[in-house]
Amino acid sequence: MSSHTYIHDLKQQVGQTVTLKGWVSNKREGKGIVFIVLRDGTGYCQCVITQDNSGENNLNIAQSTALETSVIIQGSVHADEKQIGGVEVQVNQIEIVGESIDYPIAKKEHGIEFLMDQRHLWLRSTRQWAIMKIRNTIIFSIHKYFQSQGFVQMDAPIFTGNACEGTSTLFETDFYGEPAYLSQSGQLYGEAMAMAMGKIYTFGPTFRAEKSKTRRHLSEFWMIEPEMAFYDIFQNMDTIEGMLQAVIKDVLAECSEELKTIGRDTSVLESSLKSFPRMTYDEAVSIIKGEKPVNGIYSIAMLEAELAQTEEKLKSIESEIADKEAKLATPGLKKGEINFMTAKIIQLKQEKSDVEEDLRNIPQWLNSARNFEYGNDFGGSDETVLTKLFDSPVMVYDWPHEVKAFYLKRNPEDTRFARGVDVLAPEGYGEIVGGGERETNVQNLVEKIHEHELPMEAFEWYLDLRRYGSVPHSGFGLGLERLVTWICKLKHVRESIPFPRMYGRLTP
């Protein structure tokens, strides 16, 4: 049993005898029959072991396997559209490679902290497998897009002697006796590389030392940072939109099964293939504060209606839970009815928890919308209020320069604003891209470096880029994990990366 077939190729092997190598992800038994759902990293397949087809010895081996036992299976492939992947394997022979005794992740519900402690094993679960497959598609799609558009991939250093936007959120380390920082962005180096190559992108790990435990924060994450010579802010926005839509198209085309596995409603992804709404900061503030409608809908009225509907939904769920619990207490129920009722109650309680979270959030969103102060940056509540009115990512540009990074160019027609752009994902996911047109005037940059109280000597090389053949140029940063989180509609960014590193978690 040396060579073997991968599960994702089984549809082309119908009628043939194959050898599969993988792990038992699920098992159920009947009299003289065992059903094993095998996984091998490429997919899942039901394998059937019977005394008649497989013999008593193979049946005994199948019966002895536990969750995550690694096995080699030989059998014939049969088409069956009712089964996972549209095929089933009738087993002739099964061999145990590695036993699995008392696998800690059972079928029952586990708390998130337990699952995070078992992340090295949790990655094997169907849902986590599907998320990682989608992540892989997104990564490949990003490379494909930029390479097809004539970009050159370049690499920025991870050790840096200076901060991109101040040192308050940087990890400091010792670099041969000198202080150095783990990079929070490769952008400044990206600008230097763009002056050499024209259009570049970096794709690497970045680090932020924010002591934040929100669902959107990681301490170590992956950033994609293109930089383009001779691009203004509007060409920059075209590139952002083109890249995001290329990724969404690829995920929809190549990950339909994985999206079904995680229960992702793809309607918002599909609607994101149209042009993204673009608006200035001023226009966005008017929408958030309920002064300007979107398709006839005002933010305040929308949130008030949503609050009332959510309160009614909670009452309905509580009533249904009480009804199901009363039926469950009825004597004489069959085992199947008890299992069905119990599973339904668990599902309803999860829905109730989600609705209760909405009831905590909506008043905060309302308060944010009513009391937003012009000139402030957007917080999570502000981004949520704005994007709730759209069914695709939204681009907000021309921000008050005080809330944006020192290197952004001022709008030449109104210097109160910096030519920055944020892309906000719908469904409450907020910022996934930040970028803009870069300042090219040396004196303006020097003033901003002083204003931000940054060490001038650390930026002399950066100022050289303006002294020797400066050109208009733009770029942006895309947080890979935030993009994965939105595309998969995950509740927390920690599920978007194989081994998350965040405030309070350094293991496994």
Protein backbone atom coordinates (compact mmCIF):
# COMPACT_ATOMS: atom_id res chain seq x y z
CA MET A 1 0.00 0.00 0.00
CA SER A 2 2.71 2.55 -0.91
CA SER A 3 1.18 4.89 -3.52
CA HIS A 4 -2.25 6.28 -2.81
CA THR A 5 -5.09 8.44 -4.11
CA TYR A 6 -6.14 11.77 -2.59
CA ILE A 7 -9.79 12.19 -1.66
CA HIS A 8 -10.30 15.26 -3.86
CA ASP A 9 -9.45 13.08 -6.91
CA LEU A 10 -11.94 10.30 -6.13
CA LYS A 11 -14.64 11.52 -8.53
CA GLN A 12 -12.26 10.65 -11.37
CA GLN A 13 -11.70 7.16 -9.92
CA VAL A 14 -15.29 5.81 -9.90
CA GLY A 15 -15.29 2.07 -10.56
CA GLN A 16 -11.62 1.69 -9.66
CA THR A 17 -9.85 0.27 -6.63
CA VAL A 18 -7.89 2.90 -4.72
CA THR A 19 -5.73 3.26 -1.64
CA LEU A 20 -6.52 6.14 0.73
CA LYS A 21 -4.38 7.39 3.60
CA GLY A 22 -5.84 9.61 6.28
CA TRP A 23 -7.51 10.01 9.66
CA VAL A 24 -10.87 8.91 11.09
CA SER A 25 -12.84 12.14 11.52
CA ASN A 26 -16.14 10.40 12.31
CA LYS A 27 -17.41 6.88 12.83
CA ARG A 28 -20.73 5.13 13.37
CA GLU A 29 -21.56 1.46 13.64
CA GLY A 30 -24.41 -0.94 13.01
CA LYS A 31 -24.66 -4.69 13.17
CA GLY A 32 -21.89 -6.07 10.95
CA ILE A 33 -21.13 -2.64 9.43
CA VAL A 34 -18.92 0.36 10.17
CA PHE A 35 -19.12 3.77 8.47
CA ILE A 36 -15.90 5.79 8.67
CA VAL A 37 -15.63 9.37 7.42
CA LEU A 38 -12.01 9.63 6.37
CA ARG A 39 -10.15 12.92 5.97
CA ASP A 40 -6.78 13.34 4.31
CA GLY A 41 -6.34 17.12 4.14
CA THR A 42 -7.79 17.36 0.63
CA GLY A 43 -11.34 16.40 1.56
CA TYR A 44 -13.68 13.98 3.29
CA CYS A 45 -15.05 10.62 2.15
CA GLN A 46 -17.37 8.00 3.62
CA CYS A 47 -15.82 4.53 3.71
CA VAL A 48 -18.02 1.48 4.37
CA ILE A 49 -16.65 -1.66 6.03
CA THR A 50 -18.92 -4.74 6.14
CA GLN A 51 -18.32 -8.32 7.16
CA ASP A 52 -19.49 -9.51 3.72
CA ASN A 53 -17.23 -7.21 1.63
CA SER A 54 -14.31 -6.69 3.98
CA GLY A 55 -14.16 -9.85 6.07
CA GLU A 56 -14.32 -10.27 9.82
CA ASN A 57 -10.71 -9.19 10.49
CA ASN A 58 -11.09 -5.83 8.69
CA LEU A 59 -14.46 -5.27 10.37
CA ASN A 60 -12.83 -5.84 13.77
CA ILE A 61 -10.04 -3.39 12.90
CA ALA A 62 -12.60 -0.76 11.80
CA GLN A 63 -14.58 -1.26 15.01
CA SER A 64 -11.43 -0.69 17.07
CA THR A 65 -10.61 2.69 15.51
CA ALA A 66 -11.28 5.86 17.48
CA LEU A 67 -11.49 9.50 16.41
CA GLU A 68 -8.27 10.66 14.69
CA THR A 69 -6.82 7.17 14.32
CA SER A 70 -4.63 7.27 11.21
CA VAL A 71 -5.39 4.49 8.73
CA ILE A 72 -4.68 3.18 5.26
CA ILE A 73 -7.80 2.00 3.43
CA GLN A 74 -8.10 0.07 0.19
CA GLY A 75 -11.44 -0.22 -1.59
CA SER A 76 -13.57 0.41 -4.66
CA VAL A 77 -15.00 3.85 -5.48
CA HIS A 78 -18.77 4.13 -6.07
CA ALA A 79 -20.67 7.22 -7.20
CA ASP A 80 -23.22 8.38 -4.62
CA GLU A 81 -24.33 12.01 -4.74
CA LYS A 82 -25.89 11.72 -1.27
CA GLN A 83 -22.44 11.30 0.26
CA ILE A 84 -19.70 13.86 0.92
CA GLY A 85 -17.91 14.62 -2.33
CA GLY A 86 -20.40 12.55 -4.33
CA VAL A 87 -18.62 9.22 -3.83
CA GLU A 88 -18.35 6.37 -1.34
CA VAL A 89 -15.62 3.77 -0.89
CA GLN A 90 -16.52 0.12 -0.28
CA VAL A 91 -13.58 -1.10 1.79
CA ASN A 92 -11.63 -4.28 1.05
CA GLN A 93 -8.83 -3.72 3.54
CA ILE A 94 -8.06 -1.36 6.44
CA GLU A 95 -4.77 -0.95 8.31
CA ILE A 96 -4.10 1.15 11.40
CA VAL A 97 -1.02 3.39 11.13
CA GLY A 98 -1.28 5.32 14.41
CA GLU A 99 -3.69 4.83 17.28
CA SER A 100 -5.61 7.72 18.84
CA ILE A 101 -6.60 7.15 22.45
CA ASP A 102 -8.96 9.54 24.25
CA TYR A 103 -8.86 12.28 21.62
CA PRO A 104 -9.57 15.42 23.68
CA ILE A 105 -11.88 17.21 21.25
CA ALA A 106 -15.15 15.29 21.36
CA LYS A 107 -18.35 15.92 19.40
CA LYS A 108 -19.88 17.80 22.35
CA GLU A 109 -19.68 21.59 22.69
CA HIS A 110 -16.36 22.92 24.00
CA GLY A 111 -15.55 26.39 25.33
CA ILE A 112 -13.41 28.64 23.16
CA GLU A 113 -10.51 28.76 25.65
CA PHE A 114 -10.35 24.95 25.71
CA LEU A 115 -10.34 24.86 21.90
CA MET A 116 -7.63 27.54 21.75
CA ASP A 117 -5.51 25.51 24.17
CA GLN A 118 -6.03 22.56 21.79
CA ARG A 119 -5.43 24.64 18.65
CA HIS A 120 -2.88 22.11 17.35
CA LEU A 121 -5.71 19.55 17.27
CA TRP A 122 -8.65 21.89 16.64
CA LEU A 123 -7.16 22.65 13.23
CA ARG A 124 -8.23 19.11 12.22
CA SER A 125 -11.94 19.86 12.64
CA THR A 126 -14.11 20.23 9.56
CA ARG A 127 -14.84 23.93 10.10
CA GLN A 128 -11.25 24.92 10.82
CA TRP A 129 -10.07 22.88 7.83
CA ALA A 130 -12.52 24.74 5.58
CA ILE A 131 -11.39 28.15 6.92
CA MET A 132 -7.73 27.29 6.26
CA LYS A 133 -8.58 26.13 2.72
CA ILE A 134 -10.31 29.47 2.07
CA ARG A 135 -7.34 31.32 3.57
CA ASN A 136 -5.02 29.47 1.18
CA THR A 137 -7.20 30.41 -1.80
CA ILE A 138 -7.16 34.06 -0.71
CA ILE A 139 -3.35 34.09 -0.38
CA PHE A 140 -2.82 32.51 -3.80
CA SER A 141 -5.40 34.84 -5.37
CA ILE A 142 -3.65 37.93 -3.98
CA HIS A 143 -0.32 36.82 -5.47
CA LYS A 144 -2.01 35.95 -8.76
CA TYR A 145 -3.68 39.36 -9.01
CA PHE A 146 -0.55 41.40 -8.38
CA GLN A 147 1.67 39.24 -10.58
CA SER A 148 -0.87 39.52 -13.43
CA GLN A 149 -0.85 43.32 -13.05
CA GLY A 150 2.94 43.61 -13.42
CA PHE A 151 3.81 44.03 -9.73
CA VAL A 152 7.09 42.69 -8.35
CA GLN A 153 7.00 40.97 -4.98
CA MET A 154 9.62 42.46 -2.67
CA ASP A 155 10.38 41.87 1.01
CA ALA A 156 10.64 44.47 3.75
CA PRO A 157 12.76 43.84 6.86
CA ILE A 158 11.07 42.58 10.02
CA PHE A 159 13.70 44.19 12.30
CA THR A 160 13.48 47.97 12.03
CA GLY A 161 15.32 50.78 13.76
CA ASN A 162 12.37 53.14 13.64
CA ALA A 163 8.61 53.06 13.80
CA CYS A 164 6.26 53.74 10.93
CA GLU A 165 3.77 55.64 13.10
CA GLY A 166 5.36 55.94 16.56
CA THR A 167 6.65 53.30 19.00
CA SER A 168 3.68 52.93 21.36
CA THR A 169 2.42 49.72 19.74
CA LEU A 170 5.76 48.13 18.86
CA PHE A 171 7.56 45.12 20.29
CA GLU A 172 11.08 46.20 21.24
CA THR A 173 13.92 43.72 21.02
CA ASP A 174 17.68 43.71 21.40
CA PHE A 175 19.59 43.82 18.12
CA TYR A 176 23.25 43.22 18.99
CA GLY A 177 23.09 45.69 21.84
CA GLU A 178 20.92 48.25 20.05
CA PRO A 179 17.15 48.67 20.41
CA ALA A 180 15.19 47.40 17.42
CA TYR A 181 11.52 46.87 16.78
CA LEU A 182 9.46 44.16 15.14
CA SER A 183 7.92 45.76 12.09
CA GLN A 184 4.36 47.04 12.24
CA SER A 185 4.42 47.79 8.51
CA GLY A 186 6.71 47.39 5.53
CA GLN A 187 5.25 50.46 3.87
CA LEU A 188 8.14 52.93 4.18
CA TYR A 189 10.48 50.33 2.68
CA GLY A 190 7.81 49.62 0.07
CA GLU A 191 8.04 53.23 -1.08
CA ALA A 192 11.79 52.87 -1.58
CA MET A 193 11.32 49.66 -3.53
CA ALA A 194 8.60 51.23 -5.72
CA MET A 195 11.03 54.00 -6.67
CA ALA A 196 13.31 51.23 -7.99
CA MET A 197 10.75 48.82 -9.51
CA GLY A 198 7.67 50.94 -10.31
CA LYS A 199 4.98 48.69 -8.79
CA ILE A 200 5.76 46.36 -5.88
CA TYR A 201 3.97 44.50 -3.13
CA THR A 202 5.19 43.00 0.11
CA PHE A 203 3.53 40.03 1.82
CA GLY A 204 4.85 39.26 5.26
CA PRO A 205 4.31 39.11 9.03
CA THR A 206 3.77 42.29 11.01
CA PHE A 207 3.47 42.93 14.72
CA ARG A 208 1.40 45.23 16.94
CA ALA A 209 1.83 45.38 20.70
CA GLU A 210 -1.67 46.68 21.47
CA LYS A 211 -3.01 45.21 24.71
CA SER A 212 -6.39 44.68 23.11
CA LYS A 213 -8.64 41.65 23.37
CA THR A 214 -11.24 42.69 20.82
CA ARG A 215 -12.40 40.24 18.17
CA ARG A 216 -10.41 42.14 15.53
CA HIS A 217 -6.92 42.26 17.10
CA LEU A 218 -3.91 40.00 16.74
CA SER A 219 -0.35 40.71 17.90
CA GLU A 220 1.15 38.88 14.91
CA PHE A 221 -0.56 38.94 11.53
CA TRP A 222 0.15 39.02 7.80
CA MET A 223 0.03 42.19 5.73
CA ILE A 224 -0.07 42.76 2.00
CA GLU A 225 1.34 46.19 1.15
CA PRO A 226 1.50 47.32 -2.49
CA GLU A 227 3.18 50.58 -3.44
CA MET A 228 2.82 52.17 -6.89
CA ALA A 229 4.90 54.94 -8.48
CA PHE A 230 2.96 57.57 -10.47
CA TYR A 231 -0.39 56.56 -8.86
CA ASP A 232 -2.73 59.07 -7.23
CA ILE A 233 -5.33 58.22 -4.59
CA PHE A 234 -8.02 57.40 -7.14
CA GLN A 235 -5.81 54.96 -9.08
CA ASN A 236 -4.95 53.51 -5.68
CA MET A 237 -8.67 52.94 -4.96
CA ASP A 238 -9.08 51.28 -8.35
CA THR A 239 -6.27 48.86 -7.45
CA ILE A 240 -7.77 48.08 -4.04
CA GLU A 241 -11.16 47.35 -5.58
CA GLY A 242 -9.67 45.26 -8.37
CA MET A 243 -7.65 43.15 -5.96
CA LEU A 244 -10.50 42.55 -3.50
CA GLN A 245 -12.92 41.63 -6.27
CA ALA A 246 -10.39 39.24 -7.84
CA VAL A 247 -10.04 37.50 -4.46
CA ILE A 248 -13.79 37.29 -3.88
CA LYS A 249 -14.33 35.86 -7.38
CA ASP A 250 -11.71 33.16 -6.78
CA VAL A 251 -13.15 32.22 -3.39
CA LEU A 252 -16.68 31.96 -4.80
CA ALA A 253 -15.44 29.88 -7.74
CA GLU A 254 -13.04 27.56 -5.91
CA CYS A 255 -14.35 27.28 -2.34
CA SER A 256 -18.09 26.69 -2.73
CA GLU A 257 -17.99 23.50 -0.63
CA GLU A 258 -15.85 25.10 2.07
CA LEU A 259 -18.20 28.11 2.23
CA LYS A 260 -21.14 25.70 2.67
CA THR A 261 -19.22 23.83 5.38
CA ILE A 262 -18.84 27.00 7.47
CA GLY A 263 -22.42 28.10 6.71
CA ARG A 264 -21.40 31.30 4.90
CA ASP A 265 -24.26 33.12 3.16
CA THR A 266 -22.50 34.27 0.00
CA SER A 267 -25.00 36.94 -1.07
CA VAL A 268 -22.88 39.81 0.34
CA LEU A 269 -19.76 38.40 -1.34
CA GLU A 270 -21.63 38.23 -4.64
CA SER A 271 -22.94 41.80 -4.26
CA SER A 272 -19.36 42.93 -3.55
CA LEU A 273 -18.45 42.20 -7.17
CA LYS A 274 -20.10 45.49 -8.20
CA SER A 275 -18.30 48.83 -7.83
CA PHE A 276 -17.65 49.78 -4.21
CA PRO A 277 -19.35 52.96 -2.98
CA ARG A 278 -16.77 55.75 -2.57
CA MET A 279 -17.35 58.74 -0.29
CA THR A 280 -15.40 61.45 1.46
CA TYR A 281 -15.05 61.56 5.23
CA ASP A 282 -17.58 64.43 5.30
CA GLU A 283 -20.16 62.37 3.39
CA ALA A 284 -19.56 59.34 5.63
CA VAL A 285 -20.05 61.42 8.79
CA SER A 286 -23.36 62.77 7.45
CA ILE A 287 -24.53 59.19 6.85
CA ILE A 288 -23.39 57.98 10.29
CA LYS A 289 -25.14 60.88 12.08
CA GLY A 290 -28.39 60.14 10.22
CA GLU A 291 -28.33 63.42 8.26
CA LYS A 292 -27.94 61.85 4.81
CA PRO A 293 -29.86 58.76 3.65
CA VAL A 294 -28.59 55.77 1.70
CA ASN A 295 -31.24 54.52 -0.71
CA GLY A 296 -33.84 56.40 1.33
CA ILE A 297 -32.75 54.88 4.66
CA TYR A 298 -31.39 56.96 7.56
CA SER A 299 -28.96 55.35 10.00
CA ILE A 300 -30.78 56.35 13.24
CA ALA A 301 -34.17 55.13 11.99
CA MET A 302 -32.59 51.89 10.74
CA LEU A 303 -30.97 51.19 14.12
CA GLU A 304 -34.14 52.01 16.07
CA ALA A 305 -36.13 49.61 13.88
CA GLU A 306 -33.42 46.95 14.25
CA LEU A 307 -33.51 47.32 18.04
CA ALA A 308 -37.28 46.80 18.15
CA GLN A 309 -37.06 43.76 15.83
CA THR A 310 -34.26 42.25 17.90
CA GLU A 311 -36.22 42.65 21.13
CA GLU A 312 -39.15 40.80 19.51
CA LYS A 313 -36.82 38.10 18.20
CA LEU A 314 -35.47 37.48 21.71
CA LYS A 315 -39.00 37.01 23.07
CA SER A 316 -39.79 34.56 20.25
CA ILE A 317 -36.62 32.50 20.87
CA GLU A 318 -37.22 32.38 24.64
CA SER A 319 -40.77 31.18 24.03
CA GLU A 320 -39.57 28.47 21.63
CA ILE A 321 -36.90 27.28 24.10
CA ALA A 322 -39.51 27.03 26.88
CA ASP A 323 -41.83 25.10 24.54
CA LYS A 324 -39.10 22.63 23.50
CA GLU A 325 -37.94 22.12 27.11
CA ALA A 326 -41.51 21.37 28.16
CA LYS A 327 -41.86 18.79 25.38
CA LEU A 328 -38.50 17.26 26.32
CA ALA A 329 -39.83 16.71 29.85
CA THR A 330 -42.78 14.71 28.49
CA PRO A 331 -42.54 11.02 29.51
CA GLY A 332 -42.28 8.29 26.86
CA LEU A 333 -40.33 10.20 24.18
CA LYS A 334 -38.33 8.09 21.75
CA LYS A 335 -34.54 8.40 21.66
CA GLY A 336 -34.63 10.08 18.24
CA GLU A 337 -37.14 12.68 19.47
CA ILE A 338 -35.02 13.38 22.56
CA ASN A 339 -31.87 13.84 20.47
CA PHE A 340 -33.67 16.08 17.99
CA MET A 341 -35.22 18.21 20.73
CA THR A 342 -31.92 18.48 22.65
CA ALA A 343 -30.01 19.57 19.52
CA LYS A 344 -32.71 22.15 18.71
CA ILE A 345 -32.53 23.62 22.23
CA ILE A 346 -28.73 23.93 21.96
CA GLN A 347 -29.15 25.70 18.61
CA LEU A 348 -31.81 28.05 20.01
CA LYS A 349 -29.66 28.92 23.02
CA GLN A 350 -26.80 29.86 20.69
CA GLU A 351 -29.21 32.04 18.68
CA LYS A 352 -30.38 33.61 21.94
CA SER A 353 -26.77 34.39 22.91
CA ASP A 354 -26.21 36.07 19.52
CA VAL A 355 -29.42 38.11 19.83
CA GLU A 356 -28.50 39.18 23.37
CA GLU A 357 -25.14 40.37 22.06
CA ASP A 358 -26.96 42.40 19.40
CA LEU A 359 -29.14 43.92 22.13
CA ARG A 360 -25.99 45.01 23.94
CA ASN A 361 -24.42 46.42 20.77
CA ILE A 362 -27.28 48.25 19.05
CA PRO A 363 -27.72 50.88 21.81
CA GLN A 364 -23.95 51.55 21.59
CA TRP A 365 -24.23 51.98 17.82
CA LEU A 366 -27.16 54.35 18.28
CA ASN A 367 -25.25 56.38 20.84
CA SER A 368 -22.23 56.52 18.53
CA ALA A 369 -24.35 57.70 15.60
CA ARG A 370 -26.17 60.37 17.58
CA ASN A 371 -23.07 61.76 19.29
CA PHE A 372 -20.29 61.41 16.71
CA GLU A 373 -17.95 64.41 16.88
CA TYR A 374 -16.77 65.74 13.52
CA GLY A 375 -13.01 65.46 13.16
CA ASN A 376 -12.66 62.19 15.06
CA ASP A 377 -11.40 58.96 13.54
CA PHE A 378 -14.00 56.21 13.18
CA GLY A 379 -14.33 53.66 15.94
CA GLY A 380 -15.75 50.17 15.52
CA SER A 381 -19.29 51.38 16.23
CA ASP A 382 -19.04 54.15 13.63
CA GLU A 383 -17.77 51.71 10.98
CA THR A 384 -20.61 49.31 11.80
CA VAL A 385 -23.29 52.01 11.53
CA LEU A 386 -21.96 53.15 8.15
CA THR A 387 -21.49 49.72 6.58
CA LYS A 388 -24.89 48.44 7.75
CA LEU A 389 -26.39 50.61 5.04
CA PHE A 390 -24.40 48.91 2.25
CA ASP A 391 -24.12 45.36 0.90
CA SER A 392 -20.48 45.65 -0.20
CA PRO A 393 -17.23 47.18 1.08
CA VAL A 394 -17.25 50.96 1.34
CA MET A 395 -14.33 53.31 0.56
CA VAL A 396 -13.95 56.43 2.71
CA TYR A 397 -11.29 58.93 1.62
CA ASP A 398 -10.02 62.45 2.38
CA TRP A 399 -9.74 62.25 6.18
CA PRO A 400 -8.89 65.06 8.62
CA HIS A 401 -5.09 65.05 8.51
CA GLU A 402 -4.82 65.08 12.32
CA VAL A 403 -6.15 61.49 12.59
CA LYS A 404 -4.00 60.01 9.84
CA ALA A 405 -0.34 59.01 9.49
CA PHE A 406 2.39 61.63 8.93
CA TYR A 407 3.30 60.37 5.46
CA LEU A 408 -0.07 60.99 3.78
CA LYS A 409 -0.34 63.81 1.21
CA ARG A 410 -2.70 66.71 1.88
CA ASN A 411 -5.54 67.28 -0.54
CA PRO A 412 -4.20 70.16 -2.65
CA GLU A 413 -7.71 71.62 -2.96
CA ASP A 414 -8.39 71.55 0.80
CA THR A 415 -5.37 71.05 3.04
CA ARG A 416 -7.52 70.22 6.07
CA PHE A 417 -7.74 66.70 4.63
CA ALA A 418 -5.17 63.97 4.03
CA ARG A 419 -5.49 61.81 0.93
CA GLY A 420 -6.01 58.62 2.91
CA VAL A 421 -8.52 55.89 2.16
CA ASP A 422 -10.02 53.22 4.43
CA VAL A 423 -11.97 50.27 3.05
CA LEU A 424 -14.68 49.15 5.46
CA ALA A 425 -16.19 45.68 5.08
CA PRO A 426 -19.94 45.25 5.53
CA GLU A 427 -21.70 43.11 8.17
CA GLY A 428 -19.95 44.95 10.99
CA TYR A 429 -16.41 43.89 10.04
CA GLY A 430 -14.97 47.38 9.67
CA GLU A 431 -11.59 48.35 8.28
CA ILE A 432 -9.78 45.75 6.18
CA VAL A 433 -7.63 48.12 4.08
CA GLY A 434 -5.92 51.40 4.93
CA GLY A 435 -3.88 53.40 2.47
CA GLY A 436 -3.53 56.59 0.50
CA GLU A 437 -1.40 58.89 -1.59
CA ARG A 438 2.02 59.68 -0.08
CA GLU A 439 3.40 63.12 0.68
CA THR A 440 6.15 64.09 -1.78
CA ASN A 441 7.13 67.49 -0.37
CA VAL A 442 10.19 67.22 1.91
CA GLN A 443 9.30 70.26 4.02
CA ASN A 444 5.75 69.06 4.63
CA LEU A 445 7.11 65.69 5.75
CA VAL A 446 9.64 67.28 8.08
CA GLU A 447 6.85 69.32 9.72
CA LYS A 448 4.71 66.19 10.19
CA ILE A 449 7.63 64.20 11.63
CA HIS A 450 8.15 66.97 14.20
CA GLU A 451 4.40 67.16 14.85
CA HIS A 452 4.27 63.41 15.58
CA GLU A 453 7.40 63.72 17.77
CA LEU A 454 9.33 61.15 15.76
CA PRO A 455 13.16 61.04 15.65
CA MET A 456 14.22 62.97 12.54
CA GLU A 457 17.50 61.07 12.11
CA ALA A 458 15.60 57.80 11.70
CA PHE A 459 13.77 59.18 8.68
CA GLU A 460 16.59 60.81 6.74
CA TRP A 461 16.72 57.83 4.34
CA TYR A 462 12.95 58.15 3.84
CA LEU A 463 13.31 61.86 3.03
CA ASP A 464 15.96 60.93 0.43
CA LEU A 465 13.18 59.32 -1.60
CA ARG A 466 11.80 62.86 -2.06
CA ARG A 467 15.16 64.46 -2.67
CA TYR A 468 16.18 62.25 -5.60
CA GLY A 469 13.57 62.00 -8.32
CA SER A 470 10.37 62.13 -6.29
CA VAL A 471 7.14 61.18 -8.05
CA PRO A 472 3.47 60.97 -7.02
CA HIS A 473 2.90 57.54 -5.49
CA SER A 474 0.31 55.63 -3.50
CA GLY A 475 -0.17 52.37 -1.69
CA PHE A 476 -2.17 50.51 0.91
CA GLY A 477 -2.05 47.82 3.55
CA LEU A 478 -4.41 44.85 3.60
CA GLY A 479 -4.67 42.78 6.76
CA LEU A 480 -4.91 39.18 5.57
CA GLU A 481 -6.59 37.88 8.72
CA ARG A 482 -9.22 40.62 8.71
CA LEU A 483 -10.00 39.77 5.09
CA VAL A 484 -10.28 36.05 5.89
CA THR A 485 -12.48 36.88 8.89
CA TRP A 486 -14.92 38.90 6.79
CA ILE A 487 -15.01 36.54 3.80
CA CYS A 488 -15.68 33.58 6.13
CA LYS A 489 -17.92 35.68 8.43
CA LEU A 490 -16.06 34.56 11.53
CA LYS A 491 -16.93 35.91 14.95
CA HIS A 492 -13.27 36.36 15.93
CA VAL A 493 -10.06 36.93 14.00
CA ARG A 494 -8.32 34.18 16.01
CA GLU A 495 -9.94 31.54 13.75
CA SER A 496 -8.45 33.11 10.61
CA ILE A 497 -4.82 32.11 11.27
CA PRO A 498 -3.42 28.66 12.09
CA PHE A 499 -1.81 29.63 15.42
CA PRO A 500 -2.99 33.03 16.69
CA ARG A 501 -0.72 35.24 18.73
CA MET A 502 -2.65 37.88 20.62
CA TYR A 503 -2.71 39.65 23.97
CA GLY A 504 -2.78 36.87 26.57
CA ARG A 505 -1.98 33.98 24.20
CA LEU A 506 1.44 32.70 23.20
CA THR A 507 0.67 28.94 23.06
CA PRO A 508 0.36 26.39 21.58
